[in-house]
Structure formats: C-alpha cells, structure tokens
Amino acid sequence: RMFRNFVFSLTMVIAMVLVVAQYGRLIFMQLELETLRGMTALKVGIILTPGALGAATTMPNGGRLSDHMGARLPAMVGLSILGAMMFLLANLTVDTPIWQLMLILAVSGAGTGLAMMPMMVAALNALESRFVAQASSVRSLNRYVAGSFAVAILSTIVTAELGSISAATAHGQSPASIQSSYNLVFWIGLGCVIATVALTAFLPDAKKTRHYQ
C-alpha cells in the first residue's frame, strides 16, 4: 500500500540509484588510496573525514529547506553538486594533491546531505501517519539491499579491470592503469547521479509540500 504512493516510490528509486554513487565513493576511494598510494587505513580515514563533515553540515539545512520550498529544488541542487564532484573524482590522477581530494570529498558530502534529507521528508510527508514507522524501516532496508548490489556489481567491474582488487596482484600494473580502473567506478557513479537529478524533477514543489502537510 505504501508503494502505491508515487512520491514514496519515487524517493525509493532515487535512493537505490544514488547508493551506487555513494558506495563507489566510500568504498572504492578507500581501496584506491590504499592500493595505489600505499596509505595506511588511519590516513585514509582522515582523508575521508571531510566528506562526513560536509554531509553533517548540510543535512539539517536540507530538511529545513524542504519544509519551505519543497523537496524538488534542494534535492536537485544537492545532487547537481554531487554530480560535479563525481566528475572530478572520475578524472583523478596519481598526482592529484591530497588537499584537493579532501576538498572534493567535503563538497560531495555536502551535496549528498543537502539532497538526502528533502527526499526523506518528502517520502514521509506523502504517506499517511500510520505508515511512517513502516516506511522508515523499508527505506533502511532499501538502502542496505541496494548497497549490497552496488558493491557486488562495482567490485566485479573493478576486478575485471584490475585482475584483482588486492594490492599484491595490482602491484605489477602501471599506476595510470590502476587509476583508470578506479576512475571507471566514479564514471558509473556520475551516470547514476545524472539519472537521479532527472528523477528529482518529479518530486513535490513548495505547493505540493504544503498540501501534504
């Protein structure tokens, strides 16, 4: 019955597609830094921290903006920012400075935070109050299942390109070849983000949001 609601179903589809970009950034960026640049797990964690801080900064604002102007505009702006950063990640080289990478991750996290909260608010607002608890559970389940499929598919692609995700096997390849294999993940993520930007055009605007409220 929940999936008969167009807005709820739409946000679930957007979340599923967006997970590909998110997991590609969170998992394969870590693998890239460890296998290609030889960094320790601690250093990689520090480099990835700005992405989390960026998301934490914009998530509350995204929810507030959706209350005033609907989910469509903030989600579209946030995903557009994320798409621009995915393009930069897809064009990384082995000589890209770490500070530049951290800046890209911070801005991409901010874009993700700005986009995710409006979509969640729109999904819950569109449902009857008796479905809110179940909808939250379904949303979490949707994210975990989509994430599992995303990791499996992207791992298969990277493995096919590298021969193995392990540093030992990849050691014999040129750094440029390894870099291009990981960049392919971000090109796929960029395609997914572009698809979600198009889908956000069907999210509620301010007028429809006030109607749901």
C-alpha atoms as a PDB file:
ATOM      1  CA  ARG A   1       0.000   0.000   0.000  1.00  0.00           C
ATOM      2  CA  MET A   2       2.888   2.358   0.682  1.00  0.00           C
ATOM      3  CA  PHE A   3       4.340   1.798  -2.772  1.00  0.00           C
ATOM      4  CA  ARG A   4       1.068   2.885  -4.351  1.00  0.00           C
ATOM      5  CA  ASN A   5       2.087   6.390  -3.295  1.00  0.00           C
ATOM      6  CA  PHE A   6       4.014   7.902  -6.213  1.00  0.00           C
ATOM      7  CA  VAL A   7       6.244  10.223  -4.165  1.00  0.00           C
ATOM      8  CA  PHE A   8       7.289   7.472  -1.759  1.00  0.00           C
ATOM      9  CA  SER A   9       8.036   5.030  -4.581  1.00  0.00           C
ATOM     10  CA  LEU A  10       9.958   7.693  -6.478  1.00  0.00           C
ATOM     11  CA  THR A  11      12.178   8.513  -3.496  1.00  0.00           C
ATOM     12  CA  MET A  12      12.909   4.816  -3.014  1.00  0.00           C
ATOM     13  CA  VAL A  13      14.020   4.509  -6.648  1.00  0.00           C
ATOM     14  CA  ILE A  14      16.188   7.630  -6.362  1.00  0.00           C
ATOM     15  CA  ALA A  15      17.767   6.309  -3.160  1.00  0.00           C
ATOM     16  CA  MET A  16      18.546   2.953  -4.790  1.00  0.00           C
ATOM     17  CA  VAL A  17      20.260   4.558  -7.781  1.00  0.00           C
ATOM     18  CA  LEU A  18      22.102   7.080  -5.627  1.00  0.00           C
ATOM     19  CA  VAL A  19      23.554   4.344  -3.423  1.00  0.00           C
ATOM     20  CA  VAL A  20      25.751   3.264  -6.351  1.00  0.00           C
ATOM     21  CA  ALA A  21      27.497   6.636  -6.336  1.00  0.00           C
ATOM     22  CA  GLN A  22      27.714   6.777  -2.547  1.00  0.00           C
ATOM     23  CA  TYR A  23      29.198   3.317  -2.067  1.00  0.00           C
ATOM     24  CA  GLY A  24      31.522   3.822  -5.004  1.00  0.00           C
ATOM     25  CA  ARG A  25      32.907   6.902  -3.297  1.00  0.00           C
ATOM     26  CA  LEU A  26      33.088   5.461   0.222  1.00  0.00           C
ATOM     27  CA  ILE A  27      34.480   2.009  -0.559  1.00  0.00           C
ATOM     28  CA  PHE A  28      36.492   2.290  -3.739  1.00  0.00           C
ATOM     29  CA  MET A  29      38.108   5.588  -2.863  1.00  0.00           C
ATOM     30  CA  GLN A  30      39.483   3.843   0.211  1.00  0.00           C
ATOM     31  CA  LEU A  31      40.759   0.933  -1.884  1.00  0.00           C
ATOM     32  CA  GLU A  32      42.287   3.323  -4.378  1.00  0.00           C
ATOM     33  CA  LEU A  33      44.210   5.237  -1.728  1.00  0.00           C
ATOM     34  CA  GLU A  34      45.471   2.056  -0.075  1.00  0.00           C
ATOM     35  CA  THR A  35      46.433   0.109  -3.207  1.00  0.00           C
ATOM     36  CA  LEU A  36      47.583   2.933  -5.451  1.00  0.00           C
ATOM     37  CA  ARG A  37      49.139   5.369  -2.989  1.00  0.00           C
ATOM     38  CA  GLY A  38      50.104   2.888  -0.290  1.00  0.00           C
ATOM     39  CA  MET A  39      48.364   4.767   2.524  1.00  0.00           C
ATOM     40  CA  THR A  40      47.512   3.266   5.885  1.00  0.00           C
ATOM     41  CA  ALA A  41      43.917   2.752   6.976  1.00  0.00           C
ATOM     42  CA  LEU A  42      44.305   5.540   9.543  1.00  0.00           C
ATOM     43  CA  LYS A  43      45.461   8.072   6.971  1.00  0.00           C
ATOM     44  CA  VAL A  44      42.683   7.053   4.582  1.00  0.00           C
ATOM     45  CA  GLY A  45      40.154   7.541   7.370  1.00  0.00           C
ATOM     46  CA  ILE A  46      41.450  11.046   7.997  1.00  0.00           C
ATOM     47  CA  ILE A  47      41.220  11.872   4.286  1.00  0.00           C
ATOM     48  CA  LEU A  48      37.613  10.624   4.117  1.00  0.00           C
ATOM     49  CA  THR A  49      36.540  12.569   7.222  1.00  0.00           C
ATOM     50  CA  PRO A  50      35.735  15.855   5.379  1.00  0.00           C
ATOM     51  CA  GLY A  51      33.071  14.009   3.383  1.00  0.00           C
ATOM     52  CA  ALA A  52      31.241  13.042   6.566  1.00  0.00           C
ATOM     53  CA  LEU A  53      31.610  16.543   7.981  1.00  0.00           C
ATOM     54  CA  GLY A  54      30.206  18.049   4.790  1.00  0.00           C
ATOM     55  CA  ALA A  55      27.142  15.823   4.966  1.00  0.00           C
ATOM     56  CA  ALA A  56      26.629  16.560   8.676  1.00  0.00           C
ATOM     57  CA  THR A  57      26.718  20.290   7.933  1.00  0.00           C
ATOM     58  CA  THR A  58      24.046  20.331   5.226  1.00  0.00           C
ATOM     59  CA  MET A  59      21.647  17.596   6.345  1.00  0.00           C
ATOM     60  CA  PRO A  60      19.779  19.752   8.912  1.00  0.00           C
ATOM     61  CA  ASN A  61      19.574  22.643   6.450  1.00  0.00           C
ATOM     62  CA  GLY A  62      18.268  20.345   3.729  1.00  0.00           C
ATOM     63  CA  GLY A  63      15.393  19.273   5.942  1.00  0.00           C
ATOM     64  CA  ARG A  64      14.504  22.864   6.813  1.00  0.00           C
ATOM     65  CA  LEU A  65      14.674  23.989   3.201  1.00  0.00           C
ATOM     66  CA  SER A  66      12.326  21.210   2.120  1.00  0.00           C
ATOM     67  CA  ASP A  67       9.710  22.479   4.587  1.00  0.00           C
ATOM     68  CA  HIS A  68       9.726  25.915   2.936  1.00  0.00           C
ATOM     69  CA  MET A  69      10.339  25.229  -0.743  1.00  0.00           C
ATOM     70  CA  GLY A  70       9.540  21.563  -1.191  1.00  0.00           C
ATOM     71  CA  ALA A  71      11.913  18.683  -1.835  1.00  0.00           C
ATOM     72  CA  ARG A  72      12.481  19.272  -5.528  1.00  0.00           C
ATOM     73  CA  LEU A  73      14.833  22.267  -5.545  1.00  0.00           C
ATOM     74  CA  PRO A  74      17.157  21.368  -2.633  1.00  0.00           C
ATOM     75  CA  ALA A  75      17.409  17.758  -3.816  1.00  0.00           C
ATOM     76  CA  MET A  76      18.188  18.840  -7.364  1.00  0.00           C
ATOM     77  CA  VAL A  77      20.816  21.345  -6.221  1.00  0.00           C
ATOM     78  CA  GLY A  78      22.425  18.838  -3.853  1.00  0.00           C
ATOM     79  CA  LEU A  79      22.570  16.100  -6.477  1.00  0.00           C
ATOM     80  CA  SER A  80      23.954  18.518  -9.058  1.00  0.00           C
ATOM     81  CA  ILE A  81      26.768  19.380  -6.650  1.00  0.00           C
ATOM     82  CA  LEU A  82      27.393  15.694  -6.062  1.00  0.00           C
ATOM     83  CA  GLY A  83      27.431  15.071  -9.820  1.00  0.00           C
ATOM     84  CA  ALA A  84      30.028  17.788 -10.360  1.00  0.00           C
ATOM     85  CA  MET A  85      32.235  16.264  -7.670  1.00  0.00           C
ATOM     86  CA  MET A  86      31.809  12.768  -9.130  1.00  0.00           C
ATOM     87  CA  PHE A  87      33.056  14.160 -12.434  1.00  0.00           C
ATOM     88  CA  LEU A  88      36.171  15.439 -10.675  1.00  0.00           C
ATOM     89  CA  LEU A  89      36.680  12.090  -8.930  1.00  0.00           C
ATOM     90  CA  ALA A  90      36.365  10.319 -12.282  1.00  0.00           C
ATOM     91  CA  ASN A  91      39.230  12.447 -13.589  1.00  0.00           C
ATOM     92  CA  LEU A  92      41.664  11.940 -10.709  1.00  0.00           C
ATOM     93  CA  THR A  93      45.285  11.198 -11.489  1.00  0.00           C
ATOM     94  CA  VAL A  94      48.030   9.671  -9.389  1.00  0.00           C
ATOM     95  CA  ASP A  95      49.425  13.191  -8.955  1.00  0.00           C
ATOM     96  CA  THR A  96      46.230  14.776  -7.617  1.00  0.00           C
ATOM     97  CA  PRO A  97      47.104  16.555  -4.336  1.00  0.00           C
ATOM     98  CA  ILE A  98      45.559  15.115  -1.203  1.00  0.00           C
ATOM     99  CA  TRP A  99      44.195  18.510  -0.115  1.00  0.00           C
ATOM    100  CA  GLN A 100      42.318  18.748  -3.413  1.00  0.00           C
ATOM    101  CA  LEU A 101      40.880  15.269  -2.937  1.00  0.00           C
ATOM    102  CA  MET A 102      39.747  16.145   0.584  1.00  0.00           C
ATOM    103  CA  LEU A 103      38.056  19.291  -0.715  1.00  0.00           C
ATOM    104  CA  ILE A 104      36.224  17.310  -3.391  1.00  0.00           C
ATOM    105  CA  LEU A 105      35.039  14.788  -0.802  1.00  0.00           C
ATOM    106  CA  ALA A 106      33.873  17.562   1.531  1.00  0.00           C
ATOM    107  CA  VAL A 107      31.820  19.252  -1.182  1.00  0.00           C
ATOM    108  CA  SER A 108      30.393  15.944  -2.394  1.00  0.00           C
ATOM    109  CA  GLY A 109      29.370  15.110   1.166  1.00  0.00           C
ATOM    110  CA  ALA A 110      27.684  18.494   1.458  1.00  0.00           C
ATOM    111  CA  GLY A 111      25.781  17.850  -1.762  1.00  0.00           C
ATOM    112  CA  THR A 112      24.683  14.437  -0.536  1.00  0.00           C
ATOM    113  CA  GLY A 113      23.464  15.842   2.780  1.00  0.00           C
ATOM    114  CA  LEU A 114      21.550  18.613   1.042  1.00  0.00           C
ATOM    115  CA  ALA A 115      19.802  16.103  -1.229  1.00  0.00           C
ATOM    116  CA  MET A 116      19.048  13.208   1.119  1.00  0.00           C
ATOM    117  CA  MET A 117      17.019  14.927   3.827  1.00  0.00           C
ATOM    118  CA  PRO A 118      14.489  16.618   1.482  1.00  0.00           C
ATOM    119  CA  MET A 119      13.820  13.292  -0.202  1.00  0.00           C
ATOM    120  CA  MET A 120      13.280  11.544   3.116  1.00  0.00           C
ATOM    121  CA  VAL A 121      10.972  14.317   4.316  1.00  0.00           C
ATOM    122  CA  ALA A 122       9.007  14.202   1.058  1.00  0.00           C
ATOM    123  CA  ALA A 123       8.622  10.428   1.290  1.00  0.00           C
ATOM    124  CA  LEU A 124       7.295  10.507   4.847  1.00  0.00           C
ATOM    125  CA  ASN A 125       5.084  13.569   4.313  1.00  0.00           C
ATOM    126  CA  ALA A 126       3.384  11.932   1.353  1.00  0.00           C
ATOM    127  CA  LEU A 127       2.262   8.930   3.412  1.00  0.00           C
ATOM    128  CA  GLU A 128      -0.488   8.576   5.957  1.00  0.00           C
ATOM    129  CA  SER A 129       0.789   8.837   9.515  1.00  0.00           C
ATOM    130  CA  ARG A 130       0.056   5.155  10.189  1.00  0.00           C
ATOM    131  CA  PHE A 131       2.681   4.171   7.589  1.00  0.00           C
ATOM    132  CA  VAL A 132       5.543   6.329   8.884  1.00  0.00           C
ATOM    133  CA  ALA A 133       7.185   3.659  11.075  1.00  0.00           C
ATOM    134  CA  GLN A 134       6.980   1.014   8.361  1.00  0.00           C
ATOM    135  CA  ALA A 135       8.205   3.489   5.748  1.00  0.00           C
ATOM    136  CA  SER A 136      11.325   4.238   7.786  1.00  0.00           C
ATOM    137  CA  SER A 137      12.091   0.536   8.024  1.00  0.00           C
ATOM    138  CA  VAL A 138      11.502  -0.014   4.321  1.00  0.00           C
ATOM    139  CA  ARG A 139      13.756   2.931   3.497  1.00  0.00           C
ATOM    140  CA  SER A 140      16.605   1.469   5.558  1.00  0.00           C
ATOM    141  CA  LEU A 141      16.098  -1.979   4.053  1.00  0.00           C
ATOM    142  CA  ASN A 142      16.047  -0.463   0.574  1.00  0.00           C
ATOM    143  CA  ARG A 143      19.373   1.261   1.234  1.00  0.00           C
ATOM    144  CA  TYR A 144      21.092  -1.854   2.575  1.00  0.00           C
ATOM    145  CA  VAL A 145      19.900  -4.106  -0.245  1.00  0.00           C
ATOM    146  CA  ALA A 146      20.818  -1.554  -2.898  1.00  0.00           C
ATOM    147  CA  GLY A 147      24.211  -1.068  -1.257  1.00  0.00           C
ATOM    148  CA  SER A 148      24.906  -4.813  -1.350  1.00  0.00           C
ATOM    149  CA  PHE A 149      24.086  -4.987  -5.043  1.00  0.00           C
ATOM    150  CA  ALA A 150      26.107  -1.848  -5.750  1.00  0.00           C
ATOM    151  CA  VAL A 151      29.227  -3.185  -4.036  1.00  0.00           C
ATOM    152  CA  ALA A 152      28.896  -6.549  -5.798  1.00  0.00           C
ATOM    153  CA  ILE A 153      28.483  -5.003  -9.242  1.00  0.00           C
ATOM    154  CA  LEU A 154      31.189  -2.374  -8.843  1.00  0.00           C
ATOM    155  CA  SER A 155      33.600  -4.926  -7.357  1.00  0.00           C
ATOM    156  CA  THR A 156      33.035  -7.167 -10.359  1.00  0.00           C
ATOM    157  CA  ILE A 157      33.792  -4.294 -12.714  1.00  0.00           C
ATOM    158  CA  VAL A 158      36.959  -3.260 -10.870  1.00  0.00           C
ATOM    159  CA  THR A 159      38.110  -6.878 -10.622  1.00  0.00           C
ATOM    160  CA  ALA A 160      37.629  -7.314 -14.357  1.00  0.00           C
ATOM    161  CA  GLU A 161      39.710  -4.195 -14.962  1.00  0.00           C
ATOM    162  CA  LEU A 162      42.494  -4.894 -12.455  1.00  0.00           C
ATOM    163  CA  GLY A 163      42.527  -8.658 -12.354  1.00  0.00           C
ATOM    164  CA  SER A 164      42.220  -8.447  -8.571  1.00  0.00           C
ATOM    165  CA  ILE A 165      41.338  -5.810  -6.016  1.00  0.00           C
ATOM    166  CA  SER A 166      44.268  -6.880  -3.841  1.00  0.00           C
ATOM    167  CA  ALA A 167      47.363  -4.714  -3.774  1.00  0.00           C
ATOM    168  CA  ALA A 168      49.586  -7.736  -4.426  1.00  0.00           C
ATOM    169  CA  THR A 169      48.061  -8.541  -7.798  1.00  0.00           C
ATOM    170  CA  ALA A 170      47.662  -4.933  -8.816  1.00  0.00           C
ATOM    171  CA  HIS A 171      51.300  -4.216  -7.981  1.00  0.00           C
ATOM    172  CA  GLY A 172      52.539  -5.299 -11.405  1.00  0.00           C
ATOM    173  CA  GLN A 173      50.314  -2.848 -13.295  1.00  0.00           C
ATOM    174  CA  SER A 174      51.151   0.733 -14.082  1.00  0.00           C
ATOM    175  CA  PRO A 175      49.738   3.385 -11.714  1.00  0.00           C
ATOM    176  CA  ALA A 176      47.866   5.023 -14.595  1.00  0.00           C
ATOM    177  CA  SER A 177      46.174   1.723 -15.455  1.00  0.00           C
ATOM    178  CA  ILE A 178      45.113   1.166 -11.850  1.00  0.00           C
ATOM    179  CA  GLN A 179      43.871   4.745 -11.588  1.00  0.00           C
ATOM    180  CA  SER A 180      41.739   4.414 -14.720  1.00  0.00           C
ATOM    181  CA  SER A 181      40.162   1.240 -13.325  1.00  0.00           C
ATOM    182  CA  TYR A 182      39.049   3.048 -10.185  1.00  0.00           C
ATOM    183  CA  ASN A 183      38.004   6.104 -12.176  1.00  0.00           C
ATOM    184  CA  LEU A 184      35.579   3.874 -14.068  1.00  0.00           C
ATOM    185  CA  VAL A 185      33.667   3.385 -10.811  1.00  0.00           C
ATOM    186  CA  PHE A 186      33.210   7.135 -10.487  1.00  0.00           C
ATOM    187  CA  TRP A 187      32.094   7.465 -14.111  1.00  0.00           C
ATOM    188  CA  ILE A 188      29.394   4.899 -13.356  1.00  0.00           C
ATOM    189  CA  GLY A 189      28.519   6.836 -10.210  1.00  0.00           C
ATOM    190  CA  LEU A 190      28.267  10.036 -12.249  1.00  0.00           C
ATOM    191  CA  GLY A 191      25.821   8.368 -14.618  1.00  0.00           C
ATOM    192  CA  CYS A 192      23.691   7.293 -11.660  1.00  0.00           C
ATOM    193  CA  VAL A 193      23.721  10.810 -10.192  1.00  0.00           C
ATOM    194  CA  ILE A 194      22.638  12.302 -13.541  1.00  0.00           C
ATOM    195  CA  ALA A 195      19.726   9.839 -13.585  1.00  0.00           C
ATOM    196  CA  THR A 196      18.678  10.883 -10.062  1.00  0.00           C
ATOM    197  CA  VAL A 197      18.822  14.582 -10.983  1.00  0.00           C
ATOM    198  CA  ALA A 198      16.343  13.884 -13.771  1.00  0.00           C
ATOM    199  CA  LEU A 199      14.072  11.954 -11.392  1.00  0.00           C
ATOM    200  CA  THR A 200      14.021  14.756  -8.822  1.00  0.00           C
ATOM    201  CA  ALA A 201      12.039  16.867 -11.309  1.00  0.00           C
ATOM    202  CA  PHE A 202       9.021  14.786 -10.234  1.00  0.00           C
ATOM    203  CA  LEU A 203       9.438  15.470  -6.508  1.00  0.00           C
ATOM    204  CA  PRO A 204       6.944  17.804  -4.777  1.00  0.00           C
ATOM    205  CA  ASP A 205       7.485  21.544  -5.019  1.00  0.00           C
ATOM    206  CA  ALA A 206       6.534  24.023  -2.284  1.00  0.00           C
ATOM    207  CA  LYS A 207       2.826  23.999  -3.207  1.00  0.00           C
ATOM    208  CA  LYS A 208       2.518  20.222  -3.083  1.00  0.00           C
ATOM    209  CA  THR A 209       4.551  20.059   0.119  1.00  0.00           C
ATOM    210  CA  ARG A 210       2.094  22.411   1.852  1.00  0.00           C
ATOM    211  CA  HIS A 211      -0.745  20.217   0.570  1.00  0.00           C
ATOM    212  CA  TYR A 212       0.782  17.124   2.175  1.00  0.00           C
ATOM    213  CA  GLN A 213       1.358  18.969   5.424  1.00  0.00           C
END
